[in-house]
């Protein structure tokens, strides 16, 4: 009996650190701060490539791209130093306008705004407002399927930057 337990303990001792490393890596890739409604996904590629990949995926999905705002350039033009920060605005009007018909104030959160930021250490993040948080903010209770769809779409779009 003792011989069977020892290899199992050895396997467990080997597996636990590997499991810890995998879980640590997974949590560093995506992070949702539910208290403030912010979802963050870590990019595996530099800022310019992340923007290109996201815009290409938006186009490939047939989603309307409205605007790209280089916030760091706007800051520089005003004499202010700002880390790289670019806001992308896009959406699918047949889906997004359903939130506005439920509550006109939801227009504050639509179309979708996806912010790409770069930290001082070079890490690039895609950041957006959690759609469940938006639903609660605007007291929209009858569009669950639409909010799920919006979440799936943005997660799919941001998944294009999570690997090299």
Protein backbone atom coordinates (compact mmCIF):
# COMPACT_ATOMS: atom_id res chain seq x y z
CA UNK A 1 0.00 0.00 0.00
CA UNK A 2 2.80 2.40 0.88
CA UNK A 3 4.41 1.92 -2.56
CA UNK A 4 1.21 3.06 -4.31
CA UNK A 5 0.83 6.20 -2.18
CA UNK A 6 4.40 7.45 -2.65
CA UNK A 7 4.19 7.73 -6.50
CA UNK A 8 0.78 9.39 -6.20
CA UNK A 9 2.19 11.96 -3.77
CA UNK A 10 5.14 12.55 -6.08
CA UNK A 11 2.76 13.08 -9.03
CA UNK A 12 0.66 15.46 -6.96
CA UNK A 13 3.75 17.38 -5.84
CA UNK A 14 4.80 17.72 -9.48
CA UNK A 15 1.32 18.63 -10.74
CA UNK A 16 0.50 21.32 -8.19
CA UNK A 17 3.24 23.78 -9.23
CA UNK A 18 2.32 23.27 -12.89
CA UNK A 19 -1.34 23.90 -12.13
CA UNK A 20 -0.41 27.02 -10.16
CA UNK A 21 1.66 28.34 -13.10
CA UNK A 22 -1.16 27.71 -15.57
CA UNK A 23 -3.73 29.42 -13.36
CA UNK A 24 -1.38 32.37 -12.78
CA UNK A 25 -0.86 32.78 -16.52
CA UNK A 26 -4.59 32.57 -17.22
CA UNK A 27 -5.43 35.25 -14.68
CA UNK A 28 -2.77 37.59 -16.04
CA UNK A 29 -4.25 37.36 -19.55
CA UNK A 30 -7.76 38.48 -18.69
CA UNK A 31 -8.99 40.36 -15.69
CA UNK A 32 -12.47 41.62 -14.92
CA UNK A 33 -12.77 44.11 -12.10
CA UNK A 34 -16.48 43.58 -11.47
CA UNK A 35 -16.81 46.35 -8.88
CA UNK A 36 -16.10 49.06 -11.43
CA UNK A 37 -17.47 47.33 -14.53
CA UNK A 38 -14.09 47.27 -16.26
CA UNK A 39 -12.86 44.23 -18.20
CA UNK A 40 -9.17 44.03 -19.09
CA UNK A 41 -7.48 41.63 -21.49
CA UNK A 42 -3.70 41.55 -21.70
CA UNK A 43 -2.26 41.71 -25.20
CA UNK A 44 0.57 39.43 -26.29
CA UNK A 45 1.49 41.85 -29.08
CA UNK A 46 2.67 45.48 -29.20
CA UNK A 47 0.16 48.33 -29.25
CA UNK A 48 0.20 49.02 -33.00
CA UNK A 49 -0.23 45.35 -33.86
CA UNK A 50 -3.03 44.98 -31.30
CA UNK A 51 -4.89 47.90 -32.90
CA UNK A 52 -4.38 46.45 -36.39
CA UNK A 53 -5.56 42.98 -35.37
CA UNK A 54 -8.64 44.29 -33.60
CA UNK A 55 -9.63 46.56 -36.50
CA UNK A 56 -9.11 43.70 -38.97
CA UNK A 57 -11.30 41.37 -36.90
CA UNK A 58 -14.02 44.01 -36.58
CA UNK A 59 -14.01 44.37 -40.38
CA UNK A 60 -13.95 40.60 -40.93
CA UNK A 61 -17.02 40.24 -38.71
CA UNK A 62 -18.87 42.88 -40.72
CA UNK A 63 -19.14 45.17 -37.69
CA UNK A 64 -19.30 48.90 -38.34
CA UNK A 65 -16.12 50.75 -37.32
CA UNK A 66 -16.85 54.34 -36.36
CA UNK A 67 -13.75 55.95 -34.94
CA UNK A 68 -10.16 55.62 -33.77
CA UNK A 69 -8.99 58.24 -31.26
CA UNK A 70 -5.26 58.42 -30.51
CA UNK A 71 -5.55 59.88 -27.04
CA UNK A 72 -1.80 60.08 -26.52
CA UNK A 73 -1.46 62.19 -29.68
CA UNK A 74 -4.25 64.50 -28.49
CA UNK A 75 -2.43 64.84 -25.17
CA UNK A 76 0.90 65.53 -26.90
CA UNK A 77 -0.78 68.20 -29.05
CA UNK A 78 -1.88 69.84 -25.79
CA UNK A 79 1.63 69.61 -24.32
CA UNK A 80 0.75 66.72 -22.00
CA UNK A 81 2.71 63.47 -21.80
CA UNK A 82 0.49 60.40 -21.87
CA UNK A 83 1.36 56.73 -22.29
CA UNK A 84 0.06 55.19 -25.51
CA UNK A 85 -3.75 55.14 -25.36
CA UNK A 86 -6.11 54.60 -28.29
CA UNK A 87 -9.88 54.42 -28.18
CA UNK A 88 -11.68 52.32 -30.81
CA UNK A 89 -15.43 52.85 -31.30
CA UNK A 90 -17.43 50.24 -33.19
CA UNK A 91 -20.74 48.44 -33.15
CA UNK A 92 -23.54 46.58 -34.81
CA UNK A 93 -26.49 49.01 -34.94
CA UNK A 94 -29.16 46.26 -35.11
CA UNK A 95 -27.78 44.89 -31.83
CA UNK A 96 -26.60 48.03 -30.03
CA UNK A 97 -29.70 50.10 -30.65
CA UNK A 98 -31.77 47.46 -28.83
CA UNK A 99 -30.12 48.63 -25.60
CA UNK A 100 -31.01 52.23 -26.37
CA UNK A 101 -34.64 51.31 -27.08
CA UNK A 102 -34.74 49.69 -23.63
CA UNK A 103 -33.33 52.84 -22.00
CA UNK A 104 -32.28 55.93 -24.00
CA UNK A 105 -29.55 56.66 -21.44
CA UNK A 106 -27.80 53.48 -22.60
CA UNK A 107 -26.64 55.62 -25.52
CA UNK A 108 -23.91 56.76 -23.13
CA UNK A 109 -22.38 53.27 -23.47
CA UNK A 110 -23.12 52.51 -27.13
CA UNK A 111 -21.57 52.05 -29.58
CA UNK A 112 -18.91 49.86 -28.00
CA UNK A 113 -15.76 51.61 -26.86
CA UNK A 114 -12.59 49.55 -26.58
CA UNK A 115 -9.55 51.25 -25.09
CA UNK A 116 -6.03 50.04 -25.79
CA UNK A 117 -3.47 51.27 -23.29
CA UNK A 118 0.21 50.64 -22.70
CA UNK A 119 1.71 50.60 -19.23
CA UNK A 120 5.16 51.97 -18.41
CA UNK A 121 6.57 48.43 -18.45
CA UNK A 122 5.30 47.93 -22.04
CA UNK A 123 2.30 45.75 -21.22
CA UNK A 124 -0.63 46.46 -23.53
CA UNK A 125 -4.22 46.04 -22.38
CA UNK A 126 -7.58 46.05 -24.14
CA UNK A 127 -10.16 47.56 -21.79
CA UNK A 128 -13.94 47.87 -22.07
CA UNK A 129 -17.02 48.25 -19.92
CA UNK A 130 -18.58 44.96 -18.85
CA UNK A 131 -21.95 44.52 -20.55
CA UNK A 132 -23.62 43.07 -17.45
CA UNK A 133 -22.48 46.19 -15.60
CA UNK A 134 -23.99 48.35 -18.37
CA UNK A 135 -27.28 46.45 -18.06
CA UNK A 136 -27.35 47.10 -14.31
CA UNK A 137 -26.30 50.73 -14.75
CA UNK A 138 -29.22 51.40 -17.09
CA UNK A 139 -31.65 49.00 -15.38
CA UNK A 140 -32.12 46.98 -18.57
CA UNK A 141 -33.59 43.61 -17.68
CA UNK A 142 -35.21 42.42 -20.89
CA UNK A 143 -32.17 42.16 -23.21
CA UNK A 144 -30.16 39.32 -21.64
CA UNK A 145 -29.58 37.50 -24.94
CA UNK A 146 -28.39 40.70 -26.60
CA UNK A 147 -25.99 41.49 -23.75
CA UNK A 148 -24.63 37.92 -23.93
CA UNK A 149 -24.11 38.35 -27.68
CA UNK A 150 -22.30 41.68 -27.22
CA UNK A 151 -20.05 40.07 -24.60
CA UNK A 152 -19.25 37.12 -26.87
CA UNK A 153 -18.41 39.42 -29.77
CA UNK A 154 -16.05 41.67 -27.80
CA UNK A 155 -14.35 38.66 -26.20
CA UNK A 156 -13.90 37.17 -29.66
CA UNK A 157 -12.46 40.43 -31.01
CA UNK A 158 -10.02 40.82 -28.11
CA UNK A 159 -8.98 37.17 -28.34
CA UNK A 160 -7.11 38.15 -31.52
CA UNK A 161 -4.45 39.89 -29.41
CA UNK A 162 -3.89 37.31 -26.67
CA UNK A 163 -1.33 35.25 -28.60
CA UNK A 164 1.67 36.10 -30.73
